[in-house]
PDB file of N, CA and C in Angstrom:
ATOM      1  N   MET A   1      -2.378 -29.611   1.220  1.00  0.00           N
ATOM      2  CA  MET A   1      -1.791 -28.610   1.589  1.00  0.00           C
ATOM      3  C   MET A   1      -0.404 -28.908   1.912  1.00  0.00           C
ATOM      4  N   ILE A   2       0.008 -27.540   1.686  1.00  0.00           N
ATOM      5  CA  ILE A   2       2.047 -28.044   1.570  1.00  0.00           C
ATOM      6  C   ILE A   2       2.294 -26.956   3.058  1.00  0.00           C
ATOM      7  N   ALA A   3       3.453 -27.451   3.968  1.00  0.00           N
ATOM      8  CA  ALA A   3       3.971 -26.822   5.300  1.00  0.00           C
ATOM      9  C   ALA A   3       4.201 -25.182   4.295  1.00  0.00           C
ATOM     10  N   LEU A   4       3.543 -24.164   5.439  1.00  0.00           N
ATOM     11  CA  LEU A   4       4.541 -23.145   4.960  1.00  0.00           C
ATOM     12  C   LEU A   4       5.930 -22.673   5.676  1.00  0.00           C
ATOM     13  N   PRO A   5       6.902 -21.964   4.702  1.00  0.00           N
ATOM     14  CA  PRO A   5       8.338 -22.449   5.972  1.00  0.00           C
ATOM     15  C   PRO A   5       7.605 -20.841   7.326  1.00  0.00           C
ATOM     16  N   ALA A   6       8.098 -20.659   7.659  1.00  0.00           N
ATOM     17  CA  ALA A   6       8.378 -19.726   8.938  1.00  0.00           C
ATOM     18  C   ALA A   6       8.082 -18.313   8.683  1.00  0.00           C
ATOM     19  N   TYR A   7       8.803 -18.376   8.192  1.00  0.00           N
ATOM     20  CA  TYR A   7       8.540 -15.825   7.821  1.00  0.00           C
ATOM     21  C   TYR A   7       7.043 -16.289   7.122  1.00  0.00           C
ATOM     22  N   ILE A   8       6.267 -16.953   6.625  1.00  0.00           N
ATOM     23  CA  ILE A   8       5.143 -16.705   6.611  1.00  0.00           C
ATOM     24  C   ILE A   8       3.842 -16.490   7.365  1.00  0.00           C
ATOM     25  N   ASP A   9       3.188 -15.388   8.067  1.00  0.00           N
ATOM     26  CA  ASP A   9       2.591 -15.487   9.116  1.00  0.00           C
ATOM     27  C   ASP A   9       1.450 -16.324   8.341  1.00  0.00           C
ATOM     28  N   PRO A  10       0.456 -17.532   9.334  1.00  0.00           N
ATOM     29  CA  PRO A  10      -0.119 -18.366   8.749  1.00  0.00           C
ATOM     30  C   PRO A  10      -1.415 -17.096   8.298  1.00  0.00           C
ATOM     31  N   ASP A  11      -1.970 -15.809   9.718  1.00  0.00           N
ATOM     32  CA  ASP A  11      -3.361 -15.291   9.367  1.00  0.00           C
ATOM     33  C   ASP A  11      -2.901 -14.918   7.628  1.00  0.00           C
ATOM     34  N   ALA A  12      -1.750 -13.670   7.496  1.00  0.00           N
ATOM     35  CA  ALA A  12      -1.908 -13.762   5.878  1.00  0.00           C
ATOM     36  C   ALA A  12      -2.176 -14.414   5.081  1.00  0.00           C
ATOM     37  N   TRP A  13      -1.240 -15.969   5.272  1.00  0.00           N
ATOM     38  CA  TRP A  13      -1.425 -16.077   4.305  1.00  0.00           C
ATOM     39  C   TRP A  13      -3.446 -17.338   3.842  1.00  0.00           C
ATOM     40  N   VAL A  14      -3.698 -17.532   5.151  1.00  0.00           N
ATOM     41  CA  VAL A  14      -5.734 -17.409   5.698  1.00  0.00           C
ATOM     42  C   VAL A  14      -5.708 -16.576   4.694  1.00  0.00           C
ATOM     43  N   GLY A  15      -5.629 -15.129   5.127  1.00  0.00           N
ATOM     44  CA  GLY A  15      -6.730 -14.618   4.377  1.00  0.00           C
ATOM     45  C   GLY A  15      -6.546 -14.107   2.908  1.00  0.00           C
ATOM     46  N   PHE A  16      -5.152 -14.661   2.224  1.00  0.00           N
ATOM     47  CA  PHE A  16      -4.663 -15.153   1.078  1.00  0.00           C
ATOM     48  C   PHE A  16      -5.424 -16.061   0.542  1.00  0.00           C
ATOM     49  N   GLU A  17      -5.638 -17.270   0.798  1.00  0.00           N
ATOM     50  CA  GLU A  17      -5.902 -18.000   0.453  1.00  0.00           C
ATOM     51  C   GLU A  17      -7.788 -17.151   0.063  1.00  0.00           C
ATOM     52  N   ASP A  18      -8.323 -17.358   1.780  1.00  0.00           N
ATOM     53  CA  ASP A  18      -9.929 -16.893   1.750  1.00  0.00           C
ATOM     54  C   ASP A  18     -10.005 -15.731   0.420  1.00  0.00           C
ATOM     55  N   MET A  19      -9.253 -14.737  -0.258  1.00  0.00           N
ATOM     56  CA  MET A  19      -9.300 -13.649  -1.043  1.00  0.00           C
ATOM     57  C   MET A  19      -9.415 -14.540  -2.222  1.00  0.00           C
ATOM     58  N   ARG A  20      -8.723 -15.172  -2.299  1.00  0.00           N
ATOM     59  CA  ARG A  20      -8.967 -15.674  -4.230  1.00  0.00           C
ATOM     60  C   ARG A  20      -9.870 -16.993  -4.157  1.00  0.00           C
ATOM     61  N   ARG A  21     -10.819 -17.518  -2.468  1.00  0.00           N
ATOM     62  CA  ARG A  21     -11.900 -18.353  -3.201  1.00  0.00           C
ATOM     63  C   ARG A  21     -13.030 -17.297  -2.938  1.00  0.00           C
ATOM     64  N   THR A  22     -12.679 -15.672  -2.510  1.00  0.00           N
ATOM     65  CA  THR A  22     -13.802 -14.787  -3.088  1.00  0.00           C
ATOM     66  C   THR A  22     -13.641 -14.386  -4.298  1.00  0.00           C
ATOM     67  N   ILE A  23     -12.886 -14.763  -4.666  1.00  0.00           N
ATOM     68  CA  ILE A  23     -12.518 -14.361  -6.661  1.00  0.00           C
ATOM     69  C   ILE A  23     -12.682 -14.368  -7.025  1.00  0.00           C
ATOM     70  N   LYS A  24     -13.250 -16.495  -6.737  1.00  0.00           N
ATOM     71  CA  LYS A  24     -13.373 -17.060  -7.558  1.00  0.00           C
ATOM     72  C   LYS A  24     -12.619 -17.960  -8.771  1.00  0.00           C
ATOM     73  N   LYS A  25     -11.218 -17.517  -8.122  1.00  0.00           N
ATOM     74  CA  LYS A  25      -9.412 -18.314  -8.018  1.00  0.00           C
ATOM     75  C   LYS A  25      -9.109 -18.844  -6.776  1.00  0.00           C
ATOM     76  N   PRO A  26      -9.292 -20.149  -6.144  1.00  0.00           N
ATOM     77  CA  PRO A  26      -9.446 -20.825  -5.409  1.00  0.00           C
ATOM     78  C   PRO A  26      -7.974 -21.189  -5.673  1.00  0.00           C
ATOM     79  N   LEU A  27      -6.708 -21.749  -5.225  1.00  0.00           N
ATOM     80  CA  LEU A  27      -4.959 -21.813  -4.794  1.00  0.00           C
ATOM     81  C   LEU A  27      -5.377 -23.544  -5.157  1.00  0.00           C
ATOM     82  N   THR A  28      -5.018 -24.470  -6.047  1.00  0.00           N
ATOM     83  CA  THR A  28      -4.543 -25.795  -6.389  1.00  0.00           C
ATOM     84  C   THR A  28      -3.382 -26.062  -5.880  1.00  0.00           C
ATOM     85  N   ASP A  29      -2.971 -27.034  -5.235  1.00  0.00           N
ATOM     86  CA  ASP A  29      -1.392 -27.473  -4.393  1.00  0.00           C
ATOM     87  C   ASP A  29      -0.440 -26.825  -5.058  1.00  0.00           C
ATOM     88  N   ARG A  30      -0.632 -26.888  -6.602  1.00  0.00           N
ATOM     89  CA  ARG A  30       0.654 -26.732  -7.412  1.00  0.00           C
ATOM     90  C   ARG A  30       0.779 -24.453  -7.147  1.00  0.00           C
ATOM     91  N   ALA A  31      -0.561 -24.451  -7.544  1.00  0.00           N
ATOM     92  CA  ALA A  31      -0.142 -22.906  -7.509  1.00  0.00           C
ATOM     93  C   ALA A  31       0.190 -22.554  -5.702  1.00  0.00           C
ATOM     94  N   ARG A  32      -0.063 -23.133  -4.777  1.00  0.00           N
ATOM     95  CA  ARG A  32       0.273 -22.684  -3.934  1.00  0.00           C
ATOM     96  C   ARG A  32       2.180 -23.019  -3.420  1.00  0.00           C
ATOM     97  N   LYS A  33       2.409 -23.701  -3.819  1.00  0.00           N
ATOM     98  CA  LYS A  33       3.928 -24.346  -4.030  1.00  0.00           C
ATOM     99  C   LYS A  33       4.454 -23.167  -4.831  1.00  0.00           C
ATOM    100  N   LEU A  34       3.749 -22.826  -5.770  1.00  0.00           N
ATOM    101  CA  LEU A  34       4.399 -21.515  -6.668  1.00  0.00           C
ATOM    102  C   LEU A  34       4.110 -20.213  -5.663  1.00  0.00           C
ATOM    103  N   ILE A  35       3.408 -20.024  -5.401  1.00  0.00           N
ATOM    104  CA  ILE A  35       3.407 -18.751  -4.796  1.00  0.00           C
ATOM    105  C   ILE A  35       4.181 -18.632  -3.275  1.00  0.00           C
ATOM    106  N   VAL A  36       4.051 -19.960  -3.053  1.00  0.00           N
ATOM    107  CA  VAL A  36       5.174 -19.684  -2.030  1.00  0.00           C
ATOM    108  C   VAL A  36       6.733 -19.647  -2.269  1.00  0.00           C
ATOM    109  N   TYR A  37       7.001 -20.281  -3.342  1.00  0.00           N
ATOM    110  CA  TYR A  37       8.863 -19.840  -4.050  1.00  0.00           C
ATOM    111  C   TYR A  37       8.546 -18.449  -4.663  1.00  0.00           C
ATOM    112  N   GLU A  38       7.159 -17.605  -4.977  1.00  0.00           N
ATOM    113  CA  GLU A  38       7.061 -16.425  -5.258  1.00  0.00           C
ATOM    114  C   GLU A  38       7.499 -15.141  -3.754  1.00  0.00           C
ATOM    115  N   LEU A  39       7.176 -15.672  -3.204  1.00  0.00           N
ATOM    116  CA  LEU A  39       7.409 -14.825  -1.689  1.00  0.00           C
ATOM    117  C   LEU A  39       8.567 -15.336  -0.761  1.00  0.00           C
ATOM    118  N   HIS A  40       9.301 -16.680  -1.524  1.00  0.00           N
ATOM    119  CA  HIS A  40      10.572 -16.868  -0.965  1.00  0.00           C
ATOM    120  C   HIS A  40      11.762 -15.564  -1.950  1.00  0.00           C
ATOM    121  N   ARG A  41      11.188 -15.770  -3.142  1.00  0.00           N
ATOM    122  CA  ARG A  41      11.770 -14.698  -3.685  1.00  0.00           C
ATOM    123  C   ARG A  41      11.898 -12.855  -3.808  1.00  0.00           C
ATOM    124  N   ILE A  42      11.047 -12.069  -3.135  1.00  0.00           N
ATOM    125  CA  ILE A  42       9.859 -11.092  -2.752  1.00  0.00           C
ATOM    126  C   ILE A  42      10.859 -11.071  -0.986  1.00  0.00           C
ATOM    127  N   LYS A  43      11.390 -12.588  -0.988  1.00  0.00           N
ATOM    128  CA  LYS A  43      12.013 -12.307   0.998  1.00  0.00           C
ATOM    129  C   LYS A  43      13.429 -12.053   0.572  1.00  0.00           C
ATOM    130  N   THR A  44      13.642 -12.811  -0.389  1.00  0.00           N
ATOM    131  CA  THR A  44      15.179 -12.644  -0.863  1.00  0.00           C
ATOM    132  C   THR A  44      15.511 -11.371  -1.388  1.00  0.00           C
ATOM    133  N   ALA A  45      14.828 -10.996  -2.108  1.00  0.00           N
ATOM    134  CA  ALA A  45      15.279  -9.690  -2.053  1.00  0.00           C
ATOM    135  C   ALA A  45      14.887  -8.276  -1.424  1.00  0.00           C
ATOM    136  N   GLY A  46      14.506  -8.723  -0.670  1.00  0.00           N
ATOM    137  CA  GLY A  46      14.883  -7.812   0.693  1.00  0.00           C
ATOM    138  C   GLY A  46      13.364  -7.069   0.992  1.00  0.00           C
ATOM    139  N   PHE A  47      12.387  -7.994   0.377  1.00  0.00           N
ATOM    140  CA  PHE A  47      11.185  -6.878   1.113  1.00  0.00           C
ATOM    141  C   PHE A  47      10.340  -8.474   2.063  1.00  0.00           C
ATOM    142  N   ASP A  48       9.235  -7.582   2.400  1.00  0.00           N
ATOM    143  CA  ASP A  48       8.524  -8.022   3.409  1.00  0.00           C
ATOM    144  C   ASP A  48       6.998  -9.360   2.889  1.00  0.00           C
ATOM    145  N   PRO A  49       7.277 -10.600   2.569  1.00  0.00           N
ATOM    146  CA  PRO A  49       6.781 -11.856   2.416  1.00  0.00           C
ATOM    147  C   PRO A  49       4.754 -11.429   2.988  1.00  0.00           C
ATOM    148  N   ASN A  50       5.071 -10.993   3.918  1.00  0.00           N
ATOM    149  CA  ASN A  50       3.939 -10.496   5.058  1.00  0.00           C
ATOM    150  C   ASN A  50       3.038 -10.053   4.133  1.00  0.00           C
ATOM    151  N   ALA A  51       3.889  -8.114   3.902  1.00  0.00           N
ATOM    152  CA  ALA A  51       3.333  -7.150   3.800  1.00  0.00           C
ATOM    153  C   ALA A  51       2.730  -7.696   1.684  1.00  0.00           C
ATOM    154  N   ALA A  52       3.388  -8.858   1.753  1.00  0.00           N
ATOM    155  CA  ALA A  52       3.130  -9.008  -0.437  1.00  0.00           C
ATOM    156  C   ALA A  52       1.524  -9.687  -0.257  1.00  0.00           C
ATOM    157  N   LEU A  53       1.718 -10.564   0.731  1.00  0.00           N
ATOM    158  CA  LEU A  53       0.735 -11.188   1.097  1.00  0.00           C
ATOM    159  C   LEU A  53      -0.944 -10.524   1.250  1.00  0.00           C
ATOM    160  N   ASP A  54      -0.931  -9.171   2.226  1.00  0.00           N
ATOM    161  CA  ASP A  54      -2.137  -8.427   2.633  1.00  0.00           C
ATOM    162  C   ASP A  54      -1.934  -7.587   1.785  1.00  0.00           C
ATOM    163  N   GLN A  55      -0.977  -6.581   0.897  1.00  0.00           N
ATOM    164  CA  GLN A  55      -0.751  -6.132  -0.348  1.00  0.00           C
ATOM    165  C   GLN A  55      -2.359  -7.029  -1.590  1.00  0.00           C
ATOM    166  N   SER A  56      -1.386  -8.233  -1.670  1.00  0.00           N
ATOM    167  CA  SER A  56      -2.513  -9.073  -2.606  1.00  0.00           C
ATOM    168  C   SER A  56      -4.069  -9.250  -2.328  1.00  0.00           C
ATOM    169  N   SER A  57      -3.640  -9.650  -1.155  1.00  0.00           N
ATOM    170  CA  SER A  57      -5.555  -9.556  -0.543  1.00  0.00           C
ATOM    171  C   SER A  57      -5.943  -7.915  -0.460  1.00  0.00           C
ATOM    172  N   LEU A  58      -5.476  -7.649   0.039  1.00  0.00           N
ATOM    173  CA  LEU A  58      -6.182  -5.595  -0.384  1.00  0.00           C
ATOM    174  C   LEU A  58      -6.999  -5.208  -1.461  1.00  0.00           C
ATOM    175  N   HIS A  59      -6.385  -6.059  -2.173  1.00  0.00           N
ATOM    176  CA  HIS A  59      -6.304  -5.596  -3.740  1.00  0.00           C
ATOM    177  C   HIS A  59      -7.217  -6.044  -4.645  1.00  0.00           C
ATOM    178  N   CYS A  60      -7.574  -7.760  -4.007  1.00  0.00           N
ATOM    179  CA  CYS A  60      -8.239  -9.026  -4.520  1.00  0.00           C
ATOM    180  C   CYS A  60      -7.372  -8.991  -5.690  1.00  0.00           C
ATOM    181  N   TRP A  61      -5.396  -9.229  -5.875  1.00  0.00           N
ATOM    182  CA  TRP A  61      -4.843  -9.846  -6.386  1.00  0.00           C
ATOM    183  C   TRP A  61      -4.318 -10.962  -6.616  1.00  0.00           C
ATOM    184  N   ALA A  62      -4.736 -11.868  -7.659  1.00  0.00           N
ATOM    185  CA  ALA A  62      -4.063 -13.786  -7.898  1.00  0.00           C
ATOM    186  C   ALA A  62      -2.788 -13.881  -7.964  1.00  0.00           C
ATOM    187  N   ASP A  63      -1.579 -13.042  -7.797  1.00  0.00           N
ATOM    188  CA  ASP A  63      -0.538 -13.149  -7.881  1.00  0.00           C
ATOM    189  C   ASP A  63       0.286 -11.847  -6.140  1.00  0.00           C
ATOM    190  N   VAL A  64       1.065 -12.096  -6.101  1.00  0.00           N
ATOM    191  CA  VAL A  64       2.017 -11.680  -5.128  1.00  0.00           C
ATOM    192  C   VAL A  64       2.998 -10.909  -5.896  1.00  0.00           C
ATOM    193  N   TYR A  65       3.495  -9.913  -4.817  1.00  0.00           N
ATOM    194  CA  TYR A  65       3.925  -8.528  -6.090  1.00  0.00           C
ATOM    195  C   TYR A  65       5.019  -7.972  -4.449  1.00  0.00           C
ATOM    196  N   PRO A  66       5.768  -7.618  -4.773  1.00  0.00           N
ATOM    197  CA  PRO A  66       6.535  -7.019  -3.741  1.00  0.00           C
ATOM    198  C   PRO A  66       5.667  -5.799  -3.559  1.00  0.00           C
ATOM    199  N   PRO A  67       5.529  -5.957  -2.256  1.00  0.00           N
ATOM    200  CA  PRO A  67       5.100  -4.179  -1.608  1.00  0.00           C
ATOM    201  C   PRO A  67       5.539  -2.933  -2.322  1.00  0.00           C
ATOM    202  N   LYS A  68       4.321  -2.407  -2.593  1.00  0.00           N
ATOM    203  CA  LYS A  68       4.742  -0.664  -2.529  1.00  0.00           C
ATOM    204  C   LYS A  68       4.736  -0.025  -1.230  1.00  0.00           C
ATOM    205  N   GLU A  69       5.917   0.805  -1.282  1.00  0.00           N
ATOM    206  CA  GLU A  69       5.801   2.008   0.285  1.00  0.00           C
ATOM    207  C   GLU A  69       5.046   2.571   0.259  1.00  0.00           C
ATOM    208  N   LYS A  70       3.661   2.913   0.892  1.00  0.00           N
ATOM    209  CA  LYS A  70       2.808   4.838   0.609  1.00  0.00           C
ATOM    210  C   LYS A  70       3.733   5.429   1.327  1.00  0.00           C
ATOM    211  N   PRO A  71       4.411   6.375   1.084  1.00  0.00           N
ATOM    212  CA  PRO A  71       4.601   7.228   2.125  1.00  0.00           C
ATOM    213  C   PRO A  71       2.827   7.847   2.765  1.00  0.00           C
ATOM    214  N   ILE A  72       3.079   8.588   4.615  1.00  0.00           N
ATOM    215  CA  ILE A  72       1.641   8.444   4.420  1.00  0.00           C
ATOM    216  C   ILE A  72       2.287   9.519   5.596  1.00  0.00           C
ATOM    217  N   GLN A  73       1.402  10.902   5.230  1.00  0.00           N
ATOM    218  CA  GLN A  73       2.085  11.646   5.815  1.00  0.00           C
ATOM    219  C   GLN A  73       1.112  12.112   6.901  1.00  0.00           C
ATOM    220  N   ALA A  74       1.366  12.581   8.231  1.00  0.00           N
ATOM    221  CA  ALA A  74       0.646  13.180   9.316  1.00  0.00           C
ATOM    222  C   ALA A  74       0.684  14.609   9.387  1.00  0.00           C
ATOM    223  N   ALA A  75      -0.876  15.442   9.203  1.00  0.00           N
ATOM    224  CA  ALA A  75      -0.868  16.341   9.542  1.00  0.00           C
ATOM    225  C   ALA A  75      -0.663  17.211  10.399  1.00  0.00           C
ATOM    226  N   ALA A  76      -0.142  18.377  10.391  1.00  0.00           N
ATOM    227  CA  ALA A  76       0.579  18.815  11.702  1.00  0.00           C
ATOM    228  C   ALA A  76      -1.519  19.327  12.965  1.00  0.00           C
ATOM    229  N   PRO A  77      -0.780  18.970  14.257  1.00  0.00           N
ATOM    230  CA  PRO A  77      -1.612  18.905  14.721  1.00  0.00           C
ATOM    231  C   PRO A  77      -3.006  20.515  14.450  1.00  0.00           C
ATOM    232  N   GLY A  78      -3.919  19.935  14.332  1.00  0.00           N
ATOM    233  CA  GLY A  78      -5.012  21.496  14.428  1.00  0.00           C
ATOM    234  C   GLY A  78      -4.714  21.472  12.651  1.00  0.00           C
ATOM    235  N   VAL A  79      -4.334  21.333  11.897  1.00  0.00           N
ATOM    236  CA  VAL A  79      -4.326  21.466  10.593  1.00  0.00           C
ATOM    237  C   VAL A  79      -5.144  20.616   9.611  1.00  0.00           C
ATOM    238  N   ASP A  80      -6.629  21.273   9.062  1.00  0.00           N
ATOM    239  CA  ASP A  80      -6.846  20.906   8.150  1.00  0.00           C
ATOM    240  C   ASP A  80      -6.748  20.589   6.729  1.00  0.00           C
ATOM    241  N   ALA A  81      -6.164  19.750   6.664  1.00  0.00           N
ATOM    242  CA  ALA A  81      -6.128  19.151   4.939  1.00  0.00           C
ATOM    243  C   ALA A  81      -6.614  19.553   3.968  1.00  0.00           C
ATOM    244  N   ALA A  82      -7.360  18.901   4.323  1.00  0.00           N
ATOM    245  CA  ALA A  82      -8.700  19.231   3.129  1.00  0.00           C
ATOM    246  C   ALA A  82      -8.441  20.922   2.803  1.00  0.00           C
ATOM    247  N   ALA A  83      -8.345  21.694   3.372  1.00  0.00           N
ATOM    248  CA  ALA A  83      -8.584  22.922   3.648  1.00  0.00           C
ATOM    249  C   ALA A  83      -7.309  23.470   2.293  1.00  0.00           C
ATOM    250  N   ILE A  84      -6.298  23.090   2.961  1.00  0.00           N
ATOM    251  CA  ILE A  84      -5.487  23.033   2.739  1.00  0.00           C
ATOM    252  C   ILE A  84      -5.201  22.801   1.271  1.00  0.00           C
ATOM    253  N   GLU A  85      -5.518  21.452   1.023  1.00  0.00           N
ATOM    254  CA  GLU A  85      -5.528  20.754  -0.636  1.00  0.00           C
ATOM    255  C   GLU A  85      -6.928  22.176  -1.447  1.00  0.00           C
ATOM    256  N   LEU A  86      -7.444  22.375  -0.916  1.00  0.00           N
ATOM    257  CA  LEU A  86      -8.228  23.406  -1.748  1.00  0.00           C
ATOM    258  C   LEU A  86      -7.589  24.352  -1.736  1.00  0.00           C
ATOM    259  N   GLN A  87      -7.515  25.172  -0.884  1.00  0.00           N
ATOM    260  CA  GLN A  87      -6.620  26.397  -1.547  1.00  0.00           C
ATOM    261  C   GLN A  87      -5.426  26.361  -2.761  1.00  0.00           C
ATOM    262  N   ARG A  88      -5.182  25.111  -2.244  1.00  0.00           N
ATOM    263  CA  ARG A  88      -3.842  25.032  -3.189  1.00  0.00           C
ATOM    264  C   ARG A  88      -4.534  24.528  -4.234  1.00  0.00           C
ATOM    265  N   GLN A  89      -5.929  23.754  -4.628  1.00  0.00           N
ATOM    266  CA  GLN A  89      -6.071  24.293  -6.067  1.00  0.00           C
ATOM    267  C   GLN A  89      -6.459  24.810  -6.059  1.00  0.00           C
ATOM    268  N   ARG A  90      -7.255  26.151  -5.811  1.00  0.00           N
ATOM    269  CA  ARG A  90      -7.141  27.519  -6.172  1.00  0.00           C
ATOM    270  C   ARG A  90      -6.593  28.389  -6.403  1.00  0.00           C
ATOM    271  N   GLU A  91      -5.340  28.226  -6.393  1.00  0.00           N
ATOM    272  CA  GLU A  91      -4.533  28.653  -6.342  1.00  0.00           C
ATOM    273  C   GLU A  91      -3.424  28.610  -7.246  1.00  0.00           C
ATOM    274  N   HIS A  92      -3.662  26.948  -7.848  1.00  0.00           N
ATOM    275  CA  HIS A  92      -3.332  26.076  -8.971  1.00  0.00           C
ATOM    276  C   HIS A  92      -4.330  26.991 -10.614  1.00  0.00           C
ATOM    277  N   LYS A  93      -5.363  26.968  -9.951  1.00  0.00           N
ATOM    278  CA  LYS A  93      -6.618  27.457 -11.327  1.00  0.00           C
ATOM    279  C   LYS A  93      -6.261  28.979 -11.239  1.00  0.00           C
ATOM    280  N   ALA A  94      -5.781  29.743 -10.440  1.00  0.00           N
ATOM    281  CA  ALA A  94      -5.166  31.261 -10.422  1.00  0.00           C
ATOM    282  C   ALA A  94      -4.124  31.176 -11.275  1.00  0.00           C
ATOM    283  N   THR A  95      -3.081  29.952 -11.870  1.00  0.00           N
ATOM    284  CA  THR A  95      -1.961  29.965 -12.998  1.00  0.00           C
ATOM    285  C   THR A  95      -0.890  30.811 -11.960  1.00  0.00           C
ATOM    286  N   LYS A  96      -1.309  30.870 -10.431  1.00  0.00           N
ATOM    287  CA  LYS A  96       0.283  31.738 -10.281  1.00  0.00           C
ATOM    288  C   LYS A  96       1.798  30.807 -10.213  1.00  0.00           C
ATOM    289  N   ALA A  97       2.961  31.263  -9.607  1.00  0.00           N
ATOM    290  CA  ALA A  97       4.156  30.399  -9.778  1.00  0.00           C
ATOM    291  C   ALA A  97       3.962  29.417  -8.925  1.00  0.00           C
ATOM    292  N   PRO A  98       4.748  28.511  -9.011  1.00  0.00           N
ATOM    293  CA  PRO A  98       4.448  27.407  -8.133  1.00  0.00           C
ATOM    294  C   PRO A  98       5.093  27.645  -6.901  1.00  0.00           C
ATOM    295  N   ALA A  99       6.713  28.467  -7.296  1.00  0.00           N
ATOM    296  CA  ALA A  99       6.696  28.860  -6.017  1.00  0.00           C
ATOM    297  C   ALA A  99       5.573  29.151  -4.854  1.00  0.00           C
ATOM    298  N   GLU A 100       5.265  30.317  -5.347  1.00  0.00           N
ATOM    299  CA  GLU A 100       4.232  31.427  -4.775  1.00  0.00           C
ATOM    300  C   GLU A 100       2.956  30.279  -3.643  1.00  0.00           C
ATOM    301  N   ILE A 101       2.561  29.519  -4.738  1.00  0.00           N
ATOM    302  CA  ILE A 101       1.913  28.579  -3.732  1.00  0.00           C
ATOM    303  C   ILE A 101       2.097  27.961  -3.153  1.00  0.00           C
ATOM    304  N   LEU A 102       4.098  27.533  -3.114  1.00  0.00           N
ATOM    305  CA  LEU A 102       4.385  26.635  -1.846  1.00  0.00           C
ATOM    306  C   LEU A 102       4.241  28.031  -0.170  1.00  0.00           C
ATOM    307  N   ALA A 103       4.979  29.056  -1.158  1.00  0.00           N
ATOM    308  CA  ALA A 103       4.939  30.005  -0.076  1.00  0.00           C
ATOM    309  C   ALA A 103       3.176  30.393   0.927  1.00  0.00           C
ATOM    310  N   ARG A 104       2.501  30.192  -0.144  1.00  0.00           N
ATOM    311  CA  ARG A 104       1.195  30.163   0.227  1.00  0.00           C
ATOM    312  C   ARG A 104       0.575  29.225   1.558  1.00  0.00           C
ATOM    313  N   VAL A 105       0.817  27.718   1.259  1.00  0.00           N
ATOM    314  CA  VAL A 105       0.193  26.874   1.424  1.00  0.00           C
ATOM    315  C   VAL A 105       1.228  26.575   3.062  1.00  0.00           C
ATOM    316  N   LYS A 106       2.746  26.609   3.166  1.00  0.00           N
ATOM    317  CA  LYS A 106       3.840  26.918   4.508  1.00  0.00           C
ATOM    318  C   LYS A 106       2.844  27.863   5.637  1.00  0.00           C
ATOM    319  N   GLN A 107       2.875  28.946   4.749  1.00  0.00           N
ATOM    320  CA  GLN A 107       2.454  30.314   5.902  1.00  0.00           C
ATOM    321  C   GLN A 107       0.582  29.460   6.541  1.00  0.00           C
ATOM    322  N   ALA A 108      -0.062  29.198   5.610  1.00  0.00           N
ATOM    323  CA  ALA A 108      -1.304  28.489   5.955  1.00  0.00           C
ATOM    324  C   ALA A 108      -0.723  27.650   7.100  1.00  0.00           C
ATOM    325  N   VAL A 109      -0.009  26.511   6.918  1.00  0.00           N
ATOM    326  CA  VAL A 109       0.236  25.936   8.484  1.00  0.00           C
ATOM    327  C   VAL A 109       0.829  26.579   9.301  1.00  0.00           C
ATOM    328  N   ARG A 110       1.935  27.471   8.899  1.00  0.00           N
ATOM    329  CA  ARG A 110       2.068  28.417  10.196  1.00  0.00           C
ATOM    330  C   ARG A 110       1.648  28.779  11.159  1.00  0.00           C
ATOM    331  N   THR A 111       0.341  29.377  10.319  1.00  0.00           N
ATOM    332  CA  THR A 111      -0.572  30.407  10.794  1.00  0.00           C
ATOM    333  C   THR A 111      -1.543  29.500  12.169  1.00  0.00           C
ATOM    334  N   VAL A 112      -1.911  28.209  11.338  1.00  0.00           N
ATOM    335  CA  VAL A 112      -2.499  27.171  11.975  1.00  0.00           C
ATOM    336  C   VAL A 112      -2.130  26.281  13.507  1.00  0.00           C
TER     337      VAL A 112
END
C-alpha cells in the first residue's frame, strides 16, 4: 500500500479501488503509484483529482482522466421539461425554421 497525498480524498480512492476489483482489474502497487502520478498531473493542470477518481469510478474506467464538466440546466419552476422537448421534436420534424422553433419554445416557457 502506498501513502496517498493529502489532496486525494480517501473515500474517492477506496471507491476507485473497489470499482477496479469489481471489474476484475485490481491495482498493483506499481499501478497505484502510476495512478497517483496521473492524479498529480491532473491536479497540476487545474482539475480536481478527486472528481477524476469519482468520474472513473462512475464509468468503470480503469484509468483516470481530467473530469469532464457537464452543465446541468435546471428547468424553471412549474415547467415540464419533457413536454417542452417533445414539442421541440414535433416542431423540428415539421421542418420549421430554427428561429421559429426557438421562439415557440421560449413562448411555451413564458406561459407556464
